[in-house]
Protein backbone atom coordinates (compact mmCIF):
# COMPACT_ATOMS: atom_id res chain seq x y z
CA UNK A 1 23.57 -65.47 33.85
CA UNK A 2 22.01 -63.38 36.61
CA UNK A 3 24.75 -62.36 39.01
CA UNK A 4 25.12 -61.21 42.59
CA UNK A 5 28.28 -59.13 42.90
CA UNK A 6 30.48 -59.26 45.98
CA UNK A 7 31.41 -55.63 46.59
CA UNK A 8 33.93 -54.25 49.04
CA UNK A 9 33.81 -50.75 47.60
CA UNK A 10 37.21 -51.20 45.99
CA UNK A 11 38.05 -50.64 42.34
CA UNK A 12 38.52 -54.36 41.65
CA UNK A 13 35.04 -55.53 42.66
CA UNK A 14 33.46 -52.66 40.71
CA UNK A 15 35.47 -53.35 37.57
CA UNK A 16 34.71 -57.07 37.90
CA UNK A 17 31.02 -56.14 37.64
CA UNK A 18 31.71 -54.14 34.50
CA UNK A 19 33.55 -57.10 32.94
CA UNK A 20 30.70 -59.45 33.86
CA UNK A 21 28.27 -57.20 32.01
CA UNK A 22 30.68 -56.98 29.06
CA UNK A 23 30.51 -60.77 28.71
CA UNK A 24 26.74 -60.82 28.67
CA UNK A 25 25.82 -61.33 32.33
CA UNK A 26 23.34 -59.25 34.32
CA UNK A 27 24.10 -57.85 37.77
CA UNK A 28 20.85 -58.11 39.75
CA UNK A 29 22.07 -57.71 43.34
CA UNK A 30 25.02 -56.61 45.46
CA UNK A 31 26.44 -58.37 48.53
CA UNK A 32 28.75 -56.88 51.13
CA UNK A 33 30.35 -58.04 54.38
CA UNK A 34 31.09 -55.41 57.02
CA UNK A 35 32.52 -55.24 60.56
CA UNK A 36 30.28 -56.00 63.50
CA UNK A 37 31.16 -52.58 64.95
CA UNK A 38 30.51 -49.50 62.78
CA UNK A 39 33.34 -47.60 64.44
CA UNK A 40 35.90 -50.19 63.30
CA UNK A 41 37.45 -49.40 59.93
CA UNK A 42 39.61 -52.44 59.29
CA UNK A 43 39.43 -56.06 60.40
CA UNK A 44 42.35 -58.44 60.77
CA UNK A 45 41.18 -60.46 57.77
CA UNK A 46 42.84 -62.05 54.75
CA UNK A 47 39.43 -62.22 53.04
CA UNK A 48 37.62 -58.93 53.28
CA UNK A 49 38.37 -55.26 52.65
CA UNK A 50 36.32 -53.24 55.10
CA UNK A 51 37.94 -49.78 55.06
CA UNK A 52 35.27 -47.35 53.86
CA UNK A 53 32.43 -49.74 54.72
CA UNK A 54 30.40 -46.80 56.09
CA UNK A 55 29.86 -45.60 52.51
CA UNK A 56 28.93 -48.92 50.86
CA UNK A 57 25.29 -48.50 51.90
CA UNK A 58 25.00 -45.81 49.20
CA UNK A 59 25.89 -48.28 46.41
CA UNK A 60 22.29 -49.50 46.38
CA UNK A 61 21.02 -46.06 45.44
CA UNK A 62 23.89 -45.27 43.08
CA UNK A 63 23.33 -48.45 41.07
CA UNK A 64 19.61 -48.92 41.62
CA UNK A 65 20.13 -52.48 42.85
CA UNK A 66 19.27 -54.31 46.07
CA UNK A 67 22.21 -54.49 48.48
CA UNK A 68 22.46 -57.37 50.94
CA UNK A 69 24.82 -56.78 53.88
CA UNK A 70 25.97 -58.95 56.76
CA UNK A 71 28.08 -58.13 59.78
CA UNK A 72 31.10 -60.41 60.02
CA UNK A 73 30.83 -62.66 63.05
CA UNK A 74 33.55 -65.18 62.25
CA UNK A 75 37.31 -65.02 62.29
CA UNK A 76 40.15 -66.69 60.40
CA UNK A 77 40.01 -70.24 61.74
CA UNK A 78 40.90 -72.33 58.70
CA UNK A 79 44.25 -70.92 57.59
CA UNK A 80 45.48 -73.46 55.03
CA UNK A 81 45.15 -72.57 51.36
CA UNK A 82 42.44 -75.07 50.40
CA UNK A 83 39.39 -74.21 52.47
CA UNK A 84 37.20 -76.73 54.26
CA UNK A 85 33.86 -75.83 55.77
CA UNK A 86 34.74 -74.59 59.26
CA UNK A 87 32.08 -73.34 61.70
CA UNK A 88 33.03 -69.94 63.07
CA UNK A 89 35.30 -69.06 60.15
CA UNK A 90 34.73 -65.71 58.43
CA UNK A 91 34.11 -67.55 55.15
CA UNK A 92 30.91 -68.92 56.65
CA UNK A 93 29.64 -65.34 56.86
CA UNK A 94 29.91 -65.19 53.08
CA UNK A 95 28.07 -68.49 52.80
CA UNK A 96 25.20 -67.26 54.98
CA UNK A 97 25.04 -63.96 53.07
CA UNK A 98 24.99 -65.49 49.59
CA UNK A 99 22.63 -68.25 50.68
CA UNK A 100 20.12 -65.60 51.75
CA UNK A 101 20.56 -63.67 48.50
CA UNK A 102 19.88 -66.86 46.57
CA UNK A 103 16.71 -67.46 48.60
CA UNK A 104 15.47 -63.93 47.97
CA UNK A 105 16.38 -63.91 44.26
CA UNK A 106 16.20 -67.55 43.06
CA UNK A 107 17.17 -66.71 39.48
CA UNK A 108 20.72 -65.85 40.53
CA UNK A 109 23.19 -68.42 39.21
CA UNK A 110 26.58 -66.71 39.52
CA UNK A 111 28.75 -64.63 41.85
CA UNK A 112 31.15 -61.91 40.70
CA UNK A 113 34.31 -61.08 42.65
CA UNK A 114 37.36 -58.90 42.08
CA UNK A 115 40.08 -61.48 42.74
CA UNK A 116 43.23 -60.78 40.72
CA UNK A 117 46.07 -62.82 42.19
CA UNK A 118 45.06 -64.16 45.61
CA UNK A 119 44.53 -67.93 45.56
CA UNK A 120 43.49 -67.69 49.21
CA UNK A 121 40.51 -65.46 48.40
CA UNK A 122 39.61 -67.12 45.10
CA UNK A 123 39.53 -70.62 46.57
CA UNK A 124 37.22 -69.51 49.36
CA UNK A 125 34.80 -67.80 47.01
CA UNK A 126 34.84 -70.92 44.82
CA UNK A 127 34.21 -73.13 47.85
CA UNK A 128 31.14 -71.13 48.84
CA UNK A 129 29.87 -71.06 45.26
CA UNK A 130 30.31 -74.82 44.95
CA UNK A 131 28.29 -75.42 48.11
CA UNK A 132 25.50 -73.15 46.89
CA UNK A 133 25.45 -74.43 43.30
CA UNK A 134 26.59 -71.06 41.94
CA UNK A 135 29.19 -70.21 39.30
CA UNK A 136 32.15 -68.05 40.32
CA UNK A 137 33.02 -65.23 37.91
CA UNK A 138 36.51 -63.75 38.34
CA UNK A 139 37.21 -61.82 35.16
CA UNK A 140 40.23 -60.00 36.61
CA UNK A 141 42.01 -63.23 37.55
CA UNK A 142 45.67 -63.43 36.46
CA UNK A 143 45.44 -60.27 34.36
CA UNK A 144 48.54 -58.11 33.94
CA UNK A 145 48.19 -55.61 36.78
CA UNK A 146 49.78 -52.67 34.98
CA UNK A 147 47.46 -53.07 32.01
CA UNK A 148 44.50 -53.76 34.27
CA UNK A 149 44.98 -50.60 36.33
CA UNK A 150 45.11 -48.45 33.21
CA UNK A 151 42.09 -50.26 31.81
CA UNK A 152 40.08 -49.45 34.94
CA UNK A 153 40.95 -45.77 34.72
CA UNK A 154 40.27 -45.59 30.98
CA UNK A 155 36.87 -47.22 31.46
CA UNK A 156 35.70 -44.72 34.03
CA UNK A 157 36.54 -46.16 37.45
CA UNK A 158 36.98 -43.16 39.77
CA UNK A 159 38.46 -44.54 42.97
CA UNK A 160 40.48 -43.03 45.79
CA UNK A 161 42.94 -44.65 48.18
CA UNK A 162 41.46 -45.38 51.61
CA UNK A 163 44.45 -47.32 52.92
CA UNK A 164 48.18 -47.24 52.21
CA UNK A 165 50.62 -49.77 53.65
CA UNK A 166 53.76 -49.97 51.54
CA UNK A 167 57.18 -48.42 51.33
CA UNK A 168 56.97 -45.30 49.20
CA UNK A 169 53.30 -44.65 50.03
CA UNK A 170 52.93 -41.87 52.61
CA UNK A 171 49.54 -41.51 54.34
CA UNK A 172 50.00 -37.74 54.46
CA UNK A 173 50.60 -37.55 50.70
CA UNK A 174 48.77 -40.46 49.15
CA UNK A 175 45.61 -41.15 51.15
CA UNK A 176 42.41 -39.89 49.55
CA UNK A 177 44.03 -39.51 46.13
CA UNK A 178 42.52 -40.79 42.89
CA UNK A 179 44.25 -43.83 41.42
CA UNK A 180 44.61 -41.97 38.12
CA UNK A 181 46.75 -39.42 39.96
CA UNK A 182 48.90 -42.15 41.58
CA UNK A 183 49.46 -44.38 38.54
CA UNK A 184 52.91 -43.06 37.61
CA UNK A 185 54.05 -43.21 41.24
CA UNK A 186 52.81 -46.79 41.63
CA UNK A 187 54.74 -47.90 38.55
CA UNK A 188 57.85 -46.22 39.92
CA UNK A 189 57.42 -48.13 43.20
CA UNK A 190 57.01 -51.32 41.21
CA UNK A 191 60.39 -50.75 39.57
CA UNK A 192 62.06 -49.82 42.86
CA UNK A 193 60.51 -52.28 45.28
CA UNK A 194 58.44 -54.72 43.24
CA UNK A 195 55.05 -53.70 44.62
CA UNK A 196 51.81 -54.82 43.00
CA UNK A 197 50.45 -51.82 41.11
CA UNK A 198 46.86 -52.96 41.72
CA UNK A 199 47.54 -53.36 45.44
CA UNK A 200 47.18 -57.15 45.40
CA UNK A 201 49.86 -57.47 48.07
CA UNK A 202 47.97 -55.20 50.46
CA UNK A 203 50.01 -52.15 49.42
CA UNK A 204 46.87 -50.02 49.24
CA UNK A 205 43.08 -50.24 49.16
CA UNK A 206 40.59 -48.10 47.31
CA UNK A 207 37.01 -46.87 47.45
CA UNK A 208 35.08 -46.35 44.22
CA UNK A 209 33.19 -43.05 44.23
CA UNK A 210 31.94 -43.24 40.65
CA UNK A 211 31.89 -45.58 37.67
CA UNK A 212 29.65 -46.23 34.65
CA UNK A 213 27.53 -48.60 36.76
CA UNK A 214 26.54 -45.75 39.09
CA UNK A 215 23.63 -44.72 36.90
CA UNK A 216 21.75 -42.69 39.52
CA UNK A 217 24.37 -40.84 41.53
CA UNK A 218 28.05 -40.47 42.36
CA UNK A 219 29.52 -40.37 45.85
CA UNK A 220 31.21 -37.25 47.21
CA UNK A 221 33.39 -37.71 50.28
CA UNK A 222 33.05 -34.44 52.19
CA UNK A 223 35.15 -35.09 55.26
CA UNK A 224 37.36 -37.83 56.61
CA UNK A 225 39.85 -38.53 59.35
CA UNK A 226 43.26 -40.10 58.77
CA UNK A 227 44.04 -42.91 61.20
CA UNK A 228 47.68 -44.00 61.50
CA UNK A 229 48.50 -47.51 62.70
CA UNK A 230 52.30 -47.49 62.53
CA UNK A 231 53.54 -43.90 62.27
CA UNK A 232 57.24 -43.36 61.77
CA UNK A 233 57.93 -46.82 60.35
CA UNK A 234 59.52 -47.51 56.97
CA UNK A 235 56.08 -48.25 55.55
CA UNK A 236 53.56 -46.29 57.59
CA UNK A 237 50.03 -47.70 57.56
CA UNK A 238 47.21 -45.21 57.29
CA UNK A 239 43.48 -45.57 56.67
CA UNK A 240 40.65 -43.18 56.00
CA UNK A 241 37.72 -43.01 58.41
CA UNK A 242 34.81 -41.31 56.59
CA UNK A 243 33.06 -38.60 58.60
CA UNK A 244 30.67 -37.12 56.04
CA UNK A 245 29.62 -37.83 52.47
CA UNK A 246 26.71 -37.15 50.15
CA UNK A 247 25.34 -38.36 46.83
CA UNK A 248 25.35 -36.16 43.77
CA UNK A 249 22.56 -37.09 41.39
CA UNK A 250 23.37 -37.71 37.75
CA UNK A 251 21.34 -36.03 35.04
CA UNK A 252 21.60 -39.20 32.97
CA UNK A 253 19.83 -41.32 35.57
CA UNK A 254 17.17 -43.45 33.88
CA UNK A 255 14.23 -44.99 35.69
CA UNK A 256 13.34 -48.59 34.97
CA UNK A 257 10.68 -49.19 32.36
CA UNK A 258 8.07 -51.90 32.64
CA UNK A 259 10.16 -54.11 30.35
CA UNK A 260 13.14 -53.89 32.71
CA UNK A 261 11.32 -55.43 35.65
CA UNK A 262 11.90 -59.06 36.54
CA UNK A 263 9.65 -61.45 38.40
CA UNK A 264 11.97 -62.00 41.35
CA UNK A 265 13.67 -58.61 41.57
CA UNK A 266 10.75 -56.24 41.90
CA UNK A 267 10.76 -52.47 41.68
CA UNK A 268 10.45 -52.23 45.46
CA UNK A 269 13.78 -54.03 45.87
CA UNK A 270 15.68 -51.67 43.57
CA UNK A 271 18.01 -49.55 45.67
CA UNK A 272 16.94 -51.22 48.91
CA UNK A 273 19.33 -52.41 51.60
CA UNK A 274 18.79 -55.70 53.42
CA UNK A 275 20.64 -56.80 56.54
CA UNK A 276 21.25 -60.56 56.63
CA UNK A 277 21.19 -62.18 60.05
CA UNK A 278 21.71 -65.84 60.95
CA UNK A 279 24.00 -67.99 63.04
CA UNK A 280 26.75 -70.31 61.87
CA UNK A 281 25.78 -73.94 61.19
CA UNK A 282 26.73 -76.14 64.11
CA UNK A 283 28.46 -78.82 62.08
CA UNK A 284 30.26 -79.21 58.82
CA UNK A 285 28.16 -79.99 55.77
CA UNK A 286 30.61 -82.73 54.90
CA UNK A 287 29.41 -84.80 57.84
CA UNK A 288 25.87 -84.67 56.51
CA UNK A 289 26.69 -86.01 53.09
CA UNK A 290 26.00 -89.62 52.32
CA UNK A 291 28.41 -91.87 50.54
CA UNK A 292 26.12 -92.22 47.57
CA UNK A 293 28.94 -93.45 45.38
CA UNK A 294 28.89 -96.81 47.13
CA UNK A 295 25.24 -97.48 46.38
CA UNK A 296 23.28 -98.56 43.33
CA UNK A 297 26.25 -100.20 41.60
CA UNK A 298 25.60 -102.86 38.98
CA UNK A 299 26.70 -106.31 40.14
CA UNK A 300 29.62 -107.43 37.97
CA UNK A 301 31.54 -110.70 38.17
CA UNK A 302 35.19 -110.26 39.08
CA UNK A 303 36.29 -112.16 35.98
CA UNK A 304 34.79 -109.41 33.81
CA UNK A 305 36.81 -106.65 35.49
CA UNK A 306 40.13 -106.26 33.70
CA UNK A 307 43.08 -104.45 35.19
CA UNK A 308 46.58 -103.58 34.04
CA UNK A 309 49.38 -102.07 36.13
CA UNK A 310 52.77 -100.56 35.37
CA UNK A 311 55.33 -99.01 37.70
CA UNK A 312 58.37 -96.80 37.33
CA UNK A 313 60.29 -95.19 40.17
CA UNK A 314 57.86 -93.46 42.53
CA UNK A 315 54.80 -93.50 40.27
CA UNK A 316 52.61 -96.24 38.84
CA UNK A 317 49.54 -96.47 36.64
CA UNK A 318 46.37 -98.54 36.86
CA UNK A 319 44.16 -99.22 33.85
CA UNK A 320 40.71 -100.72 34.31
CA UNK A 321 37.80 -101.70 32.04
CA UNK A 322 34.97 -104.21 31.70
CA UNK A 323 34.74 -107.06 29.24
CA UNK A 324 31.43 -107.66 27.45
CA UNK A 325 29.88 -104.62 29.11
CA UNK A 326 27.15 -104.38 26.48
CA UNK A 327 25.51 -107.51 27.92
CA UNK A 328 24.56 -105.88 31.22
CA UNK A 329 25.47 -102.19 31.12
CA UNK A 330 22.92 -99.48 30.46
CA UNK A 331 25.62 -97.07 29.33
CA UNK A 332 29.08 -95.64 29.86
CA UNK A 333 28.14 -94.17 33.23
CA UNK A 334 27.33 -97.61 34.68
CA UNK A 335 30.60 -99.05 33.42
CA UNK A 336 32.43 -96.07 34.84
CA UNK A 337 30.87 -96.53 38.29
CA UNK A 338 32.07 -100.14 38.43
CA UNK A 339 35.53 -99.26 37.12
CA UNK A 340 36.02 -96.33 39.51
CA UNK A 341 34.89 -98.43 42.45
CA UNK A 342 37.40 -101.13 41.52
CA UNK A 343 40.24 -98.63 41.11
CA UNK A 344 39.32 -97.15 44.48
CA UNK A 345 39.68 -100.62 46.01
CA UNK A 346 43.01 -101.13 44.26
CA UNK A 347 44.31 -97.82 45.62
CA UNK A 348 43.15 -98.70 49.12
CA UNK A 349 45.03 -101.98 48.85
CA UNK A 350 48.25 -100.00 48.46
CA UNK A 351 47.31 -97.69 51.31
CA UNK A 352 46.48 -94.90 48.87
CA UNK A 353 43.40 -92.92 47.89
CA UNK A 354 42.25 -90.53 45.18
CA UNK A 355 44.45 -87.81 46.71
CA UNK A 356 47.51 -89.71 45.41
CA UNK A 357 46.27 -89.66 41.80
CA UNK A 358 48.07 -87.18 39.55
CA UNK A 359 46.22 -87.66 36.30
CA UNK A 360 43.24 -89.52 34.85
CA UNK A 361 42.75 -90.52 31.22
CA UNK A 362 39.04 -91.12 30.72
CA UNK A 363 37.93 -92.85 27.52
CA UNK A 364 34.23 -93.43 26.82
CA UNK A 365 32.39 -95.23 24.04
CA UNK A 366 29.82 -92.50 23.38
CA UNK A 367 30.43 -88.77 23.86
CA UNK A 368 26.66 -88.24 23.93
CA UNK A 369 26.80 -89.73 27.42
CA UNK A 370 29.40 -87.21 28.60
CA UNK A 371 27.02 -85.44 31.03
CA UNK A 372 25.93 -88.71 32.67
CA UNK A 373 29.56 -89.87 32.84
CA UNK A 374 30.54 -86.65 34.61
CA UNK A 375 27.77 -87.11 37.17
CA UNK A 376 29.17 -90.55 37.98
CA UNK A 377 32.75 -89.27 38.05
CA UNK A 378 32.04 -86.56 40.63
CA UNK A 379 30.42 -89.08 42.98
CA UNK A 380 33.77 -90.79 43.43
CA UNK A 381 36.41 -88.10 43.04
CA UNK A 382 35.62 -85.18 45.31
CA UNK A 383 37.37 -82.22 46.88
CA UNK A 384 36.94 -83.85 50.28
CA UNK A 385 38.81 -86.97 49.16
CA UNK A 386 41.61 -84.93 47.60
CA UNK A 387 42.84 -82.41 50.21
CA UNK A 388 46.02 -81.78 48.19
CA UNK A 389 44.04 -81.07 45.01
CA UNK A 390 41.96 -83.07 42.56
CA UNK A 391 43.66 -84.87 39.63
CA UNK A 392 43.94 -83.35 36.17
CA UNK A 393 42.00 -85.14 33.44
CA UNK A 394 41.48 -85.63 29.73
CA UNK A 395 38.38 -87.18 28.13
CA UNK A 396 37.80 -88.40 24.58
CA UNK A 397 35.58 -90.88 22.77
CA UNK A 398 37.14 -94.10 21.48
CA UNK A 399 35.59 -97.16 19.75
CA UNK A 400 36.02 -99.22 22.92
CA UNK A 401 33.26 -101.74 22.23
CA UNK A 402 34.84 -102.72 18.93
CA UNK A 403 37.96 -103.90 20.75
CA UNK A 404 36.21 -105.38 23.81
CA UNK A 405 37.27 -102.63 26.21
CA UNK A 406 33.80 -101.91 27.54
CA UNK A 407 32.06 -98.55 27.50
CA UNK A 408 34.42 -96.74 29.88
CA UNK A 409 38.18 -97.22 30.09
CA UNK A 410 40.16 -95.48 32.83
CA UNK A 411 43.89 -94.99 33.31
CA UNK A 412 45.07 -93.33 36.52
CA UNK A 413 48.61 -92.15 37.20
CA UNK A 414 49.45 -92.48 40.89
CA UNK A 415 52.28 -91.08 43.03
CA UNK A 416 53.45 -92.78 46.20
CA UNK A 417 53.78 -89.43 47.99
CA UNK A 418 51.82 -86.23 48.49
CA UNK A 419 54.33 -83.78 47.04
CA UNK A 420 52.14 -82.78 44.10
CA UNK A 421 51.10 -79.18 43.46
CA UNK A 422 47.69 -78.74 41.86
CA UNK A 423 46.27 -75.79 39.94
CA UNK A 424 42.49 -75.86 40.11
CA UNK A 425 40.65 -72.69 39.11
CA UNK A 426 36.88 -73.11 39.08
CA UNK A 427 36.09 -69.46 38.41
CA UNK A 428 35.21 -68.32 34.91
CA UNK A 429 37.80 -65.72 33.93
CA UNK A 430 39.69 -64.29 30.97
CA UNK A 431 42.79 -66.29 31.95
CA UNK A 432 42.07 -69.88 30.86
CA UNK A 433 39.04 -72.19 30.76
CA UNK A 434 37.63 -72.94 34.20
CA UNK A 435 37.43 -76.44 35.64
CA UNK A 436 34.12 -76.48 37.48
CA UNK A 437 34.18 -79.76 39.34
CA UNK A 438 36.76 -82.21 40.69
CA UNK A 439 39.31 -82.00 37.87
CA UNK A 440 42.13 -79.50 37.70
CA UNK A 441 43.98 -77.59 34.99
CA UNK A 442 47.40 -79.04 35.86
CA UNK A 443 49.29 -81.12 38.41
CA UNK A 444 53.01 -80.69 39.10
CA UNK A 445 54.93 -83.65 40.53
CA UNK A 446 58.70 -84.15 40.64
CA UNK A 447 59.34 -81.42 38.05
CA UNK A 448 56.85 -82.96 35.60
CA UNK A 449 53.75 -80.89 34.81
CA UNK A 450 50.73 -83.00 33.86
CA UNK A 451 48.31 -80.73 32.02
CA UNK A 452 44.62 -81.42 31.58
CA UNK A 453 43.15 -81.74 28.13
CA UNK A 454 42.45 -78.35 26.58
CA UNK A 455 39.77 -77.53 24.03
CA UNK A 456 39.57 -74.41 21.90
CA UNK A 457 37.35 -72.68 24.44
CA UNK A 458 37.16 -68.91 24.77
CA UNK A 459 37.81 -68.57 28.54
CA UNK A 460 35.39 -65.74 29.45
CA UNK A 461 32.45 -67.30 27.61
CA UNK A 462 33.43 -71.00 27.86
CA UNK A 463 32.27 -71.50 24.27
CA UNK A 464 34.22 -73.04 21.40
CA UNK A 465 35.90 -70.29 19.42
CA UNK A 466 34.86 -69.57 15.84
CA UNK A 467 37.02 -70.32 12.83
CA UNK A 468 37.09 -74.09 12.60
CA UNK A 469 39.56 -76.74 13.81
CA UNK A 470 42.76 -74.76 13.23
CA UNK A 471 41.38 -71.80 15.21
CA UNK A 472 40.31 -74.18 17.98
CA UNK A 473 43.82 -75.64 18.13
CA UNK A 474 45.36 -72.18 18.38
CA UNK A 475 43.00 -71.28 21.23
CA UNK A 476 43.75 -74.59 22.97
CA UNK A 477 47.48 -73.80 22.74
CA UNK A 478 46.88 -70.28 24.10
CA UNK A 479 44.96 -71.81 27.01
CA UNK A 480 47.72 -74.35 27.64
CA UNK A 481 50.37 -71.62 27.60
CA UNK A 482 48.39 -69.61 30.17
CA UNK A 483 48.33 -72.63 32.48
CA UNK A 484 52.04 -73.32 31.96
CA UNK A 485 52.91 -69.70 32.74
CA UNK A 486 51.48 -70.12 36.25
CA UNK A 487 54.27 -72.65 36.83
CA UNK A 488 56.85 -70.27 35.30
CA UNK A 489 57.33 -72.32 32.17
CA UNK A 490 56.21 -72.36 28.54
CA UNK A 491 54.80 -75.15 26.40
CA UNK A 492 57.04 -73.86 23.61
CA UNK A 493 60.26 -74.66 25.47
CA UNK A 494 59.44 -77.15 28.25
CA UNK A 495 56.97 -79.59 26.70
CA UNK A 496 57.97 -83.26 26.60
CA UNK A 497 54.96 -84.61 24.69
CA UNK A 498 52.14 -82.97 22.74
CA UNK A 499 49.11 -85.23 22.27
CA UNK A 500 46.78 -83.64 19.75
CA UNK A 501 43.34 -85.21 19.46
CA UNK A 502 41.59 -84.47 16.21
CA UNK A 503 37.93 -85.28 15.73
CA UNK A 504 37.14 -87.71 12.94
CA UNK A 505 34.59 -85.15 11.73
CA UNK A 506 37.45 -82.83 10.73
CA UNK A 507 37.96 -82.66 6.93
CA UNK A 508 41.35 -83.81 5.65
CA UNK A 509 42.51 -80.34 4.45
CA UNK A 510 41.79 -78.95 7.93
CA UNK A 511 44.04 -81.58 9.50
CA UNK A 512 47.02 -80.21 7.59
CA UNK A 513 46.11 -76.67 8.65
CA UNK A 514 46.14 -77.86 12.25
CA UNK A 515 49.76 -78.93 12.02
CA UNK A 516 50.75 -75.67 10.32
CA UNK A 517 48.97 -73.65 13.00
CA UNK A 518 50.67 -75.62 15.75
CA UNK A 519 54.15 -75.10 14.28
CA UNK A 520 53.52 -71.39 13.80
CA UNK A 521 52.15 -70.88 17.31
CA UNK A 522 54.97 -72.71 19.05
CA UNK A 523 57.60 -70.78 17.10
CA UNK A 524 56.07 -67.44 18.07
CA UNK A 525 55.53 -68.50 21.69
CA UNK A 526 59.15 -69.62 21.91
CA UNK A 527 60.42 -66.25 20.70
CA UNK A 528 58.13 -64.41 23.10
CA UNK A 529 59.23 -66.58 26.01
CA UNK A 530 62.91 -65.96 25.26
CA UNK A 531 62.30 -62.21 24.86
CA UNK A 532 60.88 -62.19 28.39
CA UNK A 533 64.08 -63.71 29.73
CA UNK A 534 62.90 -67.32 29.79
CA UNK A 535 65.33 -70.22 29.79
CA UNK A 536 67.25 -70.81 26.58
CA UNK A 537 67.46 -74.62 26.63
CA UNK A 538 64.57 -75.86 24.51
CA UNK A 539 63.31 -79.42 24.69
CA UNK A 540 62.57 -81.40 21.54
CA UNK A 541 59.06 -82.71 22.23
CA UNK A 542 57.28 -85.72 20.79
CA UNK A 543 54.12 -84.95 18.79
CA UNK A 544 51.33 -87.52 18.79
CA UNK A 545 48.37 -86.93 16.48
CA UNK A 546 45.37 -89.10 17.31
CA UNK A 547 42.14 -89.27 15.34
CA UNK A 548 39.25 -89.68 17.79
CA UNK A 549 35.61 -90.41 16.92
CA UNK A 550 34.49 -87.43 19.02
CA UNK A 551 35.62 -84.88 21.60
CA UNK A 552 33.76 -83.01 24.36
CA UNK A 553 31.80 -79.90 23.36
CA UNK A 554 31.46 -81.03 19.74
């Protein structure tokens, strides 16, 4: 994919670009948000690093890429974790900036950012990307910070501290120092005080002066002023205000050949800087959207809509399908539209909505219709309808027509409260497969973690791993373990039920290998979890092996 990289000047955003290139993407433009006043070093913002912004203009020349910049006009208005479009919020500055980049370079399909641990920042980048139809790339997400910091240094990131704000970091001693020089000290502070060695808790900020992506020149900071915000306190805050810098040309700089030029990123744009203007939209986009999900539904007699309900304690389930769907339906997506509309009505009858749904089992008659089914699904279940997080989901193909269950069969698990906690990461990363759309990786409710179906996808590429079914199972288990770890648990010790769907296309010998691989993985994961100090009481889970006609991505 062609990528615009959000750059703050820090080590994280620069290394995120390097990782994007490693996984086959192409950085074609840079985007930066800066203070409205050049004399201001730091804004009161949870979103943007601005210390050292005076130097970012040189990134265009260093990398030979167009740099789009916008002065931040908004402030932090929407402070809850899950962002909603809010006029005047600083996130809307990012939207305006990236929207302009997309207009100028239409081939861009993805955005790179350096998010490591901040859900607040990640969710806002994902929100903007979703609105613009772009893919969020966050290859540093959930990586071990100690390993990540060393990886950055080893791979040529030369960055200095431009802000320190943590106990044990002294502006007089540690400002302006290379991170390679501070690594040992940062690890010592981690042991003593539990700081984040990559600075994810705001302990420090950096400015990258050189890296392998700076093909034309490196930055030399000639003179700076130290500005103290809280001198004499336990954790003094100090920032660098650059006074003078210059670029030092690299002998290895290579000019673009004719073959390197692209149709929408011309030679004239290389190394150029563009200032993006524009006012905030006057109203939320959500108010402009039509309720398209209520239109164009196939008329179905009530006696053909089948429903089943069960209830236990504070949760209940609703199953819905159509009888004799083949007589009128044009496909699984039409059945699904009718079924989802009926479930929506059932939920409303209880005073509930999609935000109360914890989990959705989606069964379809033909996996070849998966794309069309998804298009129908996202018309009904949206981020706007689920302010507490979208439900987790699994999808497989079943021979529904053979048993008169229509072309689409849905089971929803519903809670009668809003105490659920949802993990929904839409960014492509090295952590676990992304969920781009209104379905989440996992939903926690009343100490029960409902995990979405996992395929054997390689997270950074989102492609099925090589090696056949047993390798795919191992990767699916690795992905599931990564999700479970976010909730401080392990599938090897805390799982209640494993449901393993095996495609009917899988040869019989491979099915036995799958079970062997599963047993081996869980044993190793259990030992690793216990070595890390995890809980010793291990549940005895139920294993269900189901042979399905087909699975997604096959």
